[in-house]
Structure formats: C-alpha cells, structure tokens
C-alpha cells in the first residue's frame, strides 16, 4: 500500500519514453540547423538535458509507467 492506495497493476513503458527522447533530439537537431543563432545556447542546453535523460533511462533511474490503483 502506498499513500492509502493498493497498486493493482503496473506497466512499464520505458520504450515509449526512449522514442519520445529520439523525437525531441531530432527536433532539436533541426532547430539547430534552421535557426541555431536564434536560440543561442538553448538548443545545446536542450541536447545536454536530453543526453542526461537518455543516460538515466539506460541506467534505470528514469522511466515511464502507467499505474492502476484503488483506495485501500
């Protein structure tokens, strides 16, 4: 029981998060090519955050899940 809830079902969806990170990376690369000067360091900062998120996903400290729970 967690915070007054009983977890009925837990589904990991880490692969969906990995795909999302790939899409965001592709968009950041396009932004850098098309209007890199407009964003200043923002695109590179975004890519650094993206790399950190991808590493956290690989080592298991970041993930995505759906949880079905009921009140205890």
N, C-alpha and C. Protein backbone atom coordinates (compact mmCIF):
# COMPACT_ATOMS: atom_id res chain seq x y z
N UNK A 1 0.85 -1.17 0.00
CA UNK A 1 0.00 0.00 0.00
C UNK A 1 0.89 1.23 0.00
N UNK A 2 0.57 2.19 -0.86
CA UNK A 2 1.32 3.44 -0.96
C UNK A 2 0.34 4.60 -0.82
N UNK A 3 0.52 5.45 0.18
CA UNK A 3 -0.29 6.65 0.36
C UNK A 3 -1.78 6.34 0.34
N UNK A 4 -2.17 5.22 0.93
CA UNK A 4 -3.58 4.87 1.00
C UNK A 4 -4.12 4.18 -0.23
N UNK A 5 -3.25 3.78 -1.15
CA UNK A 5 -3.67 3.10 -2.37
C UNK A 5 -3.04 1.72 -2.44
N UNK A 6 -3.75 0.80 -3.04
CA UNK A 6 -3.22 -0.53 -3.33
C UNK A 6 -2.99 -0.60 -4.83
N UNK A 7 -1.78 -0.91 -5.22
CA UNK A 7 -1.46 -0.99 -6.64
C UNK A 7 -2.01 -2.29 -7.20
N UNK A 8 -2.87 -2.16 -8.20
CA UNK A 8 -3.48 -3.32 -8.85
C UNK A 8 -2.62 -3.78 -10.03
N UNK A 9 -2.11 -2.83 -10.78
CA UNK A 9 -1.34 -3.16 -11.99
C UNK A 9 -0.31 -2.07 -12.25
N UNK A 10 0.85 -2.48 -12.67
CA UNK A 10 1.93 -1.55 -13.02
C UNK A 10 2.49 -1.99 -14.36
N UNK A 11 2.49 -1.08 -15.33
CA UNK A 11 3.04 -1.39 -16.65
C UNK A 11 4.15 -0.41 -16.97
N UNK A 12 5.33 -0.94 -17.24
CA UNK A 12 6.46 -0.10 -17.63
C UNK A 12 6.33 0.23 -19.11
N UNK A 13 6.64 1.46 -19.47
CA UNK A 13 6.59 1.90 -20.86
C UNK A 13 7.86 2.68 -21.20
N UNK A 14 8.99 2.16 -20.76
CA UNK A 14 10.26 2.85 -20.99
C UNK A 14 10.56 3.01 -22.48
N UNK A 15 10.12 2.06 -23.30
CA UNK A 15 10.38 2.16 -24.74
C UNK A 15 9.66 3.38 -25.33
N UNK A 16 8.50 3.73 -24.80
CA UNK A 16 7.78 4.93 -25.27
C UNK A 16 8.57 6.18 -24.91
N UNK A 17 9.15 6.19 -23.73
CA UNK A 17 9.97 7.33 -23.33
C UNK A 17 11.22 7.43 -24.20
N UNK A 18 11.83 6.30 -24.52
CA UNK A 18 13.00 6.29 -25.40
C UNK A 18 12.65 6.86 -26.77
N UNK A 19 11.49 6.48 -27.30
CA UNK A 19 11.06 7.03 -28.61
C UNK A 19 10.82 8.53 -28.51
N UNK A 20 10.22 8.98 -27.42
CA UNK A 20 9.99 10.41 -27.22
C UNK A 20 11.31 11.17 -27.19
N UNK A 21 12.29 10.63 -26.50
CA UNK A 21 13.60 11.29 -26.44
C UNK A 21 14.23 11.36 -27.83
N UNK A 22 14.04 10.33 -28.64
CA UNK A 22 14.56 10.36 -30.02
C UNK A 22 13.88 11.44 -30.84
N UNK A 23 12.57 11.59 -30.68
CA UNK A 23 11.82 12.62 -31.42
C UNK A 23 12.28 14.02 -31.00
N UNK A 24 12.43 14.22 -29.71
CA UNK A 24 12.87 15.52 -29.21
C UNK A 24 14.28 15.82 -29.73
N UNK A 25 15.16 14.82 -29.74
CA UNK A 25 16.52 15.03 -30.25
C UNK A 25 16.49 15.42 -31.72
N UNK A 26 15.65 14.76 -32.51
CA UNK A 26 15.55 15.10 -33.93
C UNK A 26 15.07 16.53 -34.11
N UNK A 27 14.11 16.95 -33.32
CA UNK A 27 13.60 18.32 -33.42
C UNK A 27 14.64 19.35 -33.00
N UNK A 28 15.41 19.01 -31.98
CA UNK A 28 16.48 19.93 -31.56
C UNK A 28 17.56 20.04 -32.64
N UNK A 29 17.88 18.93 -33.29
CA UNK A 29 18.87 18.99 -34.38
C UNK A 29 18.37 19.85 -35.53
N UNK A 30 17.10 19.73 -35.87
CA UNK A 30 16.52 20.56 -36.92
C UNK A 30 16.55 22.03 -36.51
N UNK A 31 16.18 22.32 -35.27
CA UNK A 31 16.20 23.69 -34.77
C UNK A 31 17.61 24.28 -34.86
N UNK A 32 18.62 23.48 -34.55
CA UNK A 32 20.00 23.96 -34.63
C UNK A 32 20.39 24.28 -36.06
N UNK A 33 19.94 23.45 -37.00
CA UNK A 33 20.27 23.68 -38.41
C UNK A 33 19.53 24.89 -38.99
N UNK A 34 18.26 25.00 -38.65
CA UNK A 34 17.42 26.03 -39.26
C UNK A 34 17.60 27.39 -38.60
N UNK A 35 17.65 27.42 -37.30
CA UNK A 35 17.67 28.72 -36.60
C UNK A 35 18.53 28.66 -35.35
N UNK A 36 19.70 28.05 -35.45
CA UNK A 36 20.57 27.89 -34.30
C UNK A 36 20.92 29.20 -33.62
N UNK A 37 21.19 30.24 -34.40
CA UNK A 37 21.55 31.54 -33.81
C UNK A 37 20.40 32.15 -33.04
N UNK A 38 19.19 31.93 -33.49
CA UNK A 38 18.01 32.48 -32.84
C UNK A 38 17.88 31.96 -31.41
N UNK A 39 18.22 30.69 -31.20
CA UNK A 39 18.05 30.06 -29.90
C UNK A 39 19.27 30.21 -28.98
N UNK A 40 20.34 30.75 -29.50
CA UNK A 40 21.54 30.90 -28.68
C UNK A 40 22.04 29.55 -28.20
N UNK A 41 22.31 29.45 -26.92
CA UNK A 41 22.79 28.19 -26.32
C UNK A 41 21.64 27.24 -25.98
N UNK A 42 20.42 27.66 -26.22
CA UNK A 42 19.25 26.88 -25.81
C UNK A 42 19.21 25.50 -26.42
N UNK A 43 19.55 25.38 -27.70
CA UNK A 43 19.49 24.06 -28.34
C UNK A 43 20.53 23.13 -27.73
N UNK A 44 21.74 23.64 -27.54
CA UNK A 44 22.78 22.79 -26.94
C UNK A 44 22.44 22.42 -25.51
N UNK A 45 21.86 23.34 -24.77
CA UNK A 45 21.44 23.02 -23.40
C UNK A 45 20.34 21.96 -23.42
N UNK A 46 19.44 22.08 -24.37
CA UNK A 46 18.39 21.07 -24.50
C UNK A 46 18.96 19.71 -24.83
N UNK A 47 19.95 19.68 -25.71
CA UNK A 47 20.56 18.39 -26.07
C UNK A 47 21.33 17.80 -24.89
N UNK A 48 21.95 18.65 -24.06
CA UNK A 48 22.62 18.15 -22.86
C UNK A 48 21.62 17.52 -21.91
N UNK A 49 20.48 18.19 -21.72
CA UNK A 49 19.43 17.61 -20.87
C UNK A 49 18.92 16.30 -21.44
N UNK A 50 18.79 16.26 -22.75
CA UNK A 50 18.32 15.06 -23.42
C UNK A 50 19.31 13.90 -23.23
N UNK A 51 20.60 14.19 -23.35
CA UNK A 51 21.60 13.14 -23.12
C UNK A 51 21.54 12.64 -21.68
N UNK A 52 21.34 13.55 -20.73
CA UNK A 52 21.23 13.14 -19.32
C UNK A 52 19.99 12.27 -19.11
N UNK A 53 18.88 12.64 -19.75
CA UNK A 53 17.66 11.84 -19.63
C UNK A 53 17.85 10.46 -20.24
N UNK A 54 18.50 10.40 -21.39
CA UNK A 54 18.75 9.11 -22.05
C UNK A 54 19.65 8.22 -21.18
N UNK A 55 20.65 8.80 -20.56
CA UNK A 55 21.53 8.04 -19.68
C UNK A 55 20.76 7.54 -18.45
N UNK A 56 19.92 8.40 -17.89
CA UNK A 56 19.11 7.99 -16.73
C UNK A 56 18.13 6.88 -17.11
N UNK A 57 17.60 6.94 -18.31
CA UNK A 57 16.71 5.88 -18.78
C UNK A 57 17.48 4.56 -18.91
N UNK A 58 18.69 4.62 -19.46
CA UNK A 58 19.51 3.41 -19.62
C UNK A 58 19.87 2.79 -18.28
N UNK A 59 20.21 3.63 -17.29
CA UNK A 59 20.63 3.06 -16.00
C UNK A 59 19.47 2.77 -15.06
N UNK A 60 18.24 3.05 -15.51
CA UNK A 60 17.07 2.68 -14.73
C UNK A 60 16.60 3.70 -13.70
N UNK A 61 17.25 4.86 -13.63
CA UNK A 61 16.81 5.86 -12.65
C UNK A 61 15.71 6.76 -13.20
N UNK A 62 15.37 6.61 -14.48
CA UNK A 62 14.26 7.33 -15.09
C UNK A 62 13.45 6.33 -15.88
N UNK A 63 12.15 6.48 -15.84
CA UNK A 63 11.30 5.57 -16.58
C UNK A 63 9.92 6.17 -16.76
N UNK A 64 9.08 5.41 -17.41
CA UNK A 64 7.71 5.83 -17.68
C UNK A 64 6.83 4.62 -17.43
N UNK A 65 5.74 4.84 -16.70
CA UNK A 65 4.87 3.72 -16.36
C UNK A 65 3.44 4.19 -16.22
N UNK A 66 2.53 3.25 -16.35
CA UNK A 66 1.13 3.51 -16.00
C UNK A 66 0.80 2.64 -14.80
N UNK A 67 0.06 3.23 -13.89
CA UNK A 67 -0.25 2.53 -12.63
C UNK A 67 -1.77 2.53 -12.45
N UNK A 68 -2.31 1.37 -12.17
CA UNK A 68 -3.72 1.23 -11.84
C UNK A 68 -3.78 0.91 -10.36
N UNK A 69 -4.46 1.76 -9.59
CA UNK A 69 -4.54 1.57 -8.15
C UNK A 69 -5.95 1.85 -7.66
N UNK A 70 -6.23 1.37 -6.47
CA UNK A 70 -7.51 1.64 -5.84
C UNK A 70 -7.26 2.09 -4.40
N UNK A 71 -8.22 2.82 -3.89
CA UNK A 71 -8.12 3.26 -2.48
C UNK A 71 -8.16 2.04 -1.57
N UNK A 72 -7.33 2.08 -0.56
CA UNK A 72 -7.28 0.96 0.39
C UNK A 72 -8.47 0.97 1.31
